[in-house]
N, C-alpha and C. Protein backbone atom coordinates (compact mmCIF):
# COMPACT_ATOMS: atom_id res chain seq x y z
N UNK A 1 150.74 196.88 157.55
CA UNK A 1 152.07 197.19 157.65
C UNK A 1 152.99 196.57 156.16
N UNK A 2 153.29 197.71 155.89
CA UNK A 2 154.41 197.24 154.64
C UNK A 2 154.81 196.17 154.71
N UNK A 3 155.62 195.44 153.37
CA UNK A 3 156.52 194.48 153.70
C UNK A 3 157.80 195.11 153.77
N UNK A 4 158.62 194.35 153.51
CA UNK A 4 159.59 195.19 154.93
C UNK A 4 160.76 195.02 153.54
N UNK A 5 161.43 195.40 153.43
CA UNK A 5 162.52 195.57 151.73
C UNK A 5 163.16 194.47 152.15
N UNK A 6 163.89 193.71 152.57
CA UNK A 6 164.17 192.26 153.18
C UNK A 6 163.43 191.39 151.86
N UNK A 7 162.24 191.47 152.35
CA UNK A 7 161.13 190.44 151.70
C UNK A 7 160.89 189.96 150.44
N UNK A 8 161.19 191.65 149.79
CA UNK A 8 160.86 191.59 148.56
C UNK A 8 161.78 192.00 147.80
N UNK A 9 163.33 191.78 148.31
CA UNK A 9 164.88 191.46 147.57
C UNK A 9 164.55 189.98 147.92
N UNK A 10 163.74 188.87 148.56
CA UNK A 10 163.69 188.17 148.39
C UNK A 10 162.67 187.09 147.51
N UNK A 11 161.77 188.10 147.30
CA UNK A 11 160.72 187.81 145.94
C UNK A 11 160.89 187.60 145.06
N UNK A 12 162.12 189.26 144.99
CA UNK A 12 162.83 189.09 143.69
C UNK A 12 163.70 188.45 142.80
N UNK A 13 164.46 187.88 143.76
CA UNK A 13 165.47 187.35 143.49
C UNK A 13 164.61 185.43 142.93
N UNK A 14 163.83 185.42 144.12
CA UNK A 14 163.48 183.50 143.66
C UNK A 14 162.16 184.09 142.26
N UNK A 15 161.95 185.42 141.73
CA UNK A 15 160.93 185.09 140.59
C UNK A 15 161.93 185.32 139.50
N UNK A 16 163.21 186.26 139.73
CA UNK A 16 163.96 186.08 138.50
C UNK A 16 164.44 185.16 138.11
N UNK A 17 165.05 184.03 139.32
CA UNK A 17 165.33 182.12 139.17
C UNK A 17 164.50 181.63 138.42
N UNK A 18 163.65 182.06 138.49
CA UNK A 18 162.01 181.28 137.97
C UNK A 18 162.69 181.99 136.65
N UNK A 19 162.21 183.04 136.48
CA UNK A 19 162.45 183.04 135.11
C UNK A 19 163.40 183.33 133.95
N UNK A 20 164.84 183.14 134.92
CA UNK A 20 165.78 182.29 134.31
C UNK A 20 166.22 181.13 134.06
N UNK A 21 165.35 180.19 134.93
CA UNK A 21 165.11 178.74 135.08
C UNK A 21 164.15 178.64 133.82
N UNK A 22 163.20 178.95 133.65
CA UNK A 22 162.11 178.41 132.50
C UNK A 22 161.69 179.11 131.78
N UNK A 23 163.28 179.70 131.18
CA UNK A 23 162.96 181.10 129.53
C UNK A 23 162.82 179.73 128.21
N UNK A 24 162.86 180.55 127.05
CA UNK A 24 162.79 178.93 125.81
C UNK A 24 164.10 178.54 125.70
N UNK A 25 165.04 179.21 125.98
CA UNK A 25 166.85 178.33 125.83
C UNK A 25 166.47 177.28 126.73
N UNK A 26 166.34 176.99 128.12
CA UNK A 26 166.10 176.02 128.74
C UNK A 26 165.85 174.39 128.41
N UNK A 27 166.67 173.76 128.70
CA UNK A 27 165.96 171.99 127.82
C UNK A 27 165.92 171.57 129.32
N UNK A 28 165.12 170.45 129.27
CA UNK A 28 164.62 169.91 130.39
C UNK A 28 165.89 169.21 131.18
N UNK A 29 166.87 168.43 130.61
CA UNK A 29 167.55 168.58 130.91
C UNK A 29 168.09 169.79 132.55
N UNK A 30 168.36 170.51 131.65
CA UNK A 30 169.22 171.82 132.26
C UNK A 30 167.93 172.41 133.70
N UNK A 31 167.05 172.09 133.19
CA UNK A 31 166.00 172.27 134.14
C UNK A 31 166.39 172.11 135.55
N UNK A 32 165.97 170.05 134.94
CA UNK A 32 165.61 169.44 135.80
C UNK A 32 167.37 169.22 136.87
N UNK A 33 168.14 169.68 136.37
CA UNK A 33 169.45 169.41 136.84
C UNK A 33 170.03 171.01 138.20
N UNK A 34 169.00 172.41 137.43
CA UNK A 34 168.58 173.32 138.50
C UNK A 34 167.71 172.75 139.61
N UNK A 35 167.18 172.36 138.89
CA UNK A 35 166.02 172.11 140.99
C UNK A 35 166.52 170.73 141.59
N UNK A 36 167.24 170.11 140.98
CA UNK A 36 168.04 169.37 142.42
C UNK A 36 169.36 170.18 142.92
N UNK A 37 169.59 170.39 142.13
CA UNK A 37 170.93 171.87 142.85
C UNK A 37 169.93 172.26 144.01
N UNK A 38 168.79 173.17 143.57
CA UNK A 38 168.57 173.96 144.73
C UNK A 38 167.92 173.41 145.72
N UNK A 39 167.42 171.76 145.23
CA UNK A 39 166.46 171.07 146.52
C UNK A 39 166.98 170.74 147.38
N UNK A 40 169.03 169.73 147.41
CA UNK A 40 169.55 170.04 148.05
C UNK A 40 170.72 170.60 148.63
N UNK A 41 169.96 171.82 148.36
CA UNK A 41 170.74 173.61 149.00
C UNK A 41 172.32 173.25 148.42
N UNK A 42 172.45 173.14 147.41
CA UNK A 42 174.40 173.28 146.92
C UNK A 42 174.67 174.25 147.39
N UNK A 43 176.12 174.49 147.69
CA UNK A 43 176.72 175.86 147.43
C UNK A 43 177.29 176.02 146.78
N UNK A 44 177.41 175.42 145.42
CA UNK A 44 177.27 176.24 144.25
C UNK A 44 177.14 177.76 144.16
N UNK A 45 177.67 178.21 142.92
CA UNK A 45 177.16 179.82 142.71
C UNK A 45 176.07 179.23 141.61
N UNK A 46 174.88 180.15 141.89
CA UNK A 46 173.41 179.81 140.69
C UNK A 46 174.70 179.93 139.07
N UNK A 47 173.71 179.24 138.69
CA UNK A 47 174.57 179.37 137.31
C UNK A 47 173.17 179.59 136.26
N UNK A 48 172.17 179.54 136.60
CA UNK A 48 171.33 180.73 135.76
C UNK A 48 170.99 182.17 135.85
N UNK A 49 172.19 182.71 136.35
CA UNK A 49 171.91 184.13 136.81
C UNK A 49 171.73 185.21 135.33
N UNK A 50 173.13 185.02 133.95
CA UNK A 50 171.94 185.99 133.28
C UNK A 50 172.53 186.70 133.48
N UNK A 51 171.66 187.88 132.92
CA UNK A 51 171.35 189.07 133.29
C UNK A 51 170.80 189.50 134.86
N UNK A 52 170.38 188.65 135.24
CA UNK A 52 169.81 189.05 137.28
C UNK A 52 171.01 189.47 138.04
N UNK A 53 170.99 190.93 138.28
CA UNK A 53 172.37 191.13 138.38
C UNK A 53 171.99 190.67 140.35
N UNK A 54 170.81 190.78 141.16
CA UNK A 54 170.45 190.41 142.09
C UNK A 54 170.65 188.88 142.21
N UNK A 55 170.82 188.05 141.24
CA UNK A 55 171.47 186.66 141.35
C UNK A 55 173.20 186.47 141.66
N UNK A 56 174.00 187.31 141.03
CA UNK A 56 175.45 187.14 141.26
C UNK A 56 175.39 186.79 142.81
N UNK A 57 176.77 186.39 143.02
CA UNK A 57 177.32 185.58 144.34
C UNK A 57 176.19 185.26 144.46
N UNK A 58 175.56 184.28 144.04
CA UNK A 58 174.18 183.21 145.69
C UNK A 58 174.12 182.41 145.32
N UNK A 59 173.91 181.36 146.07
CA UNK A 59 173.82 180.08 146.30
C UNK A 59 172.61 179.69 145.94
N UNK A 60 172.89 178.18 145.84
CA UNK A 60 171.25 177.54 146.23
C UNK A 60 171.09 177.32 146.66
N UNK A 61 171.99 177.40 148.16
CA UNK A 61 171.56 177.23 149.54
C UNK A 61 170.55 178.03 149.96
N UNK A 62 171.31 179.62 149.56
CA UNK A 62 170.95 180.58 149.99
C UNK A 62 169.49 180.94 149.40
N UNK A 63 169.59 180.62 148.36
CA UNK A 63 168.00 181.14 147.79
C UNK A 63 166.81 180.05 148.88
N UNK A 64 167.45 178.69 148.23
CA UNK A 64 166.72 177.62 148.92
C UNK A 64 166.44 178.35 150.95
N UNK A 65 166.76 178.70 151.38
CA UNK A 65 166.41 179.46 152.49
C UNK A 65 166.06 180.97 152.39
N UNK A 66 165.23 181.09 150.96
CA UNK A 66 164.88 182.84 151.23
C UNK A 66 163.15 182.06 150.72
N UNK A 67 163.19 181.26 149.56
CA UNK A 67 162.02 180.53 148.78
C UNK A 67 161.33 179.85 150.47
N UNK A 68 162.36 179.01 151.64
CA UNK A 68 161.81 178.80 152.69
C UNK A 68 161.53 179.64 153.68
N UNK A 69 161.98 180.52 153.55
CA UNK A 69 161.76 181.78 154.24
C UNK A 69 160.32 182.58 154.36
N UNK A 70 160.09 182.67 152.91
CA UNK A 70 159.08 182.76 152.26
C UNK A 70 157.52 182.36 152.19
N UNK A 71 157.60 180.76 152.23
CA UNK A 71 156.49 179.61 152.71
C UNK A 71 156.75 179.57 153.53
N UNK A 72 156.66 179.86 155.00
CA UNK A 72 156.88 180.05 156.36
C UNK A 72 155.88 180.87 156.50
N UNK A 73 156.60 182.32 156.22
CA UNK A 73 155.82 183.24 156.35
C UNK A 73 154.05 183.33 155.98
N UNK A 74 154.26 183.30 154.92
CA UNK A 74 153.03 183.05 153.68
C UNK A 74 151.87 181.84 155.22
N UNK A 75 152.68 180.82 155.44
CA UNK A 75 151.84 179.95 155.70
C UNK A 75 151.30 180.36 157.22
N UNK A 76 152.40 181.43 157.74
CA UNK A 76 151.52 181.83 159.49
C UNK A 76 150.57 182.78 158.93
N UNK A 77 150.89 182.92 157.94
CA UNK A 77 149.77 185.00 157.41
C UNK A 77 148.98 184.19 157.58
N UNK A 78 148.69 183.18 156.69
CA UNK A 78 146.84 183.04 156.15
C UNK A 78 146.26 182.01 157.31
N UNK A 79 146.70 182.19 158.61
CA UNK A 79 146.02 181.12 159.53
C UNK A 79 145.95 182.58 160.73
C-alpha cells in the first residue's frame, strides 16, 4: 500500500528541518540550541523556518511528535 499523504508531509517537515539546521551558515551553538529545543519538546515556534513554508507556525513539540511517530512506524514495519 502506498504511504499516506500525512506520512509524506511529516517526512518532508523533518527533512526540511534537518536541511535548515545543518546548512553552511549554522554555528555549533545554534545547532545545539535547536536540538535541545526539539529534544525538550518546546512549544516555541521553529526558528529555522527560513524558506520552508511547510515548517511555518510549527512548534518543536509537534515536530518531535512527528519524528517519534515515524520512528515508531518504521520500527514496527521492520519487524
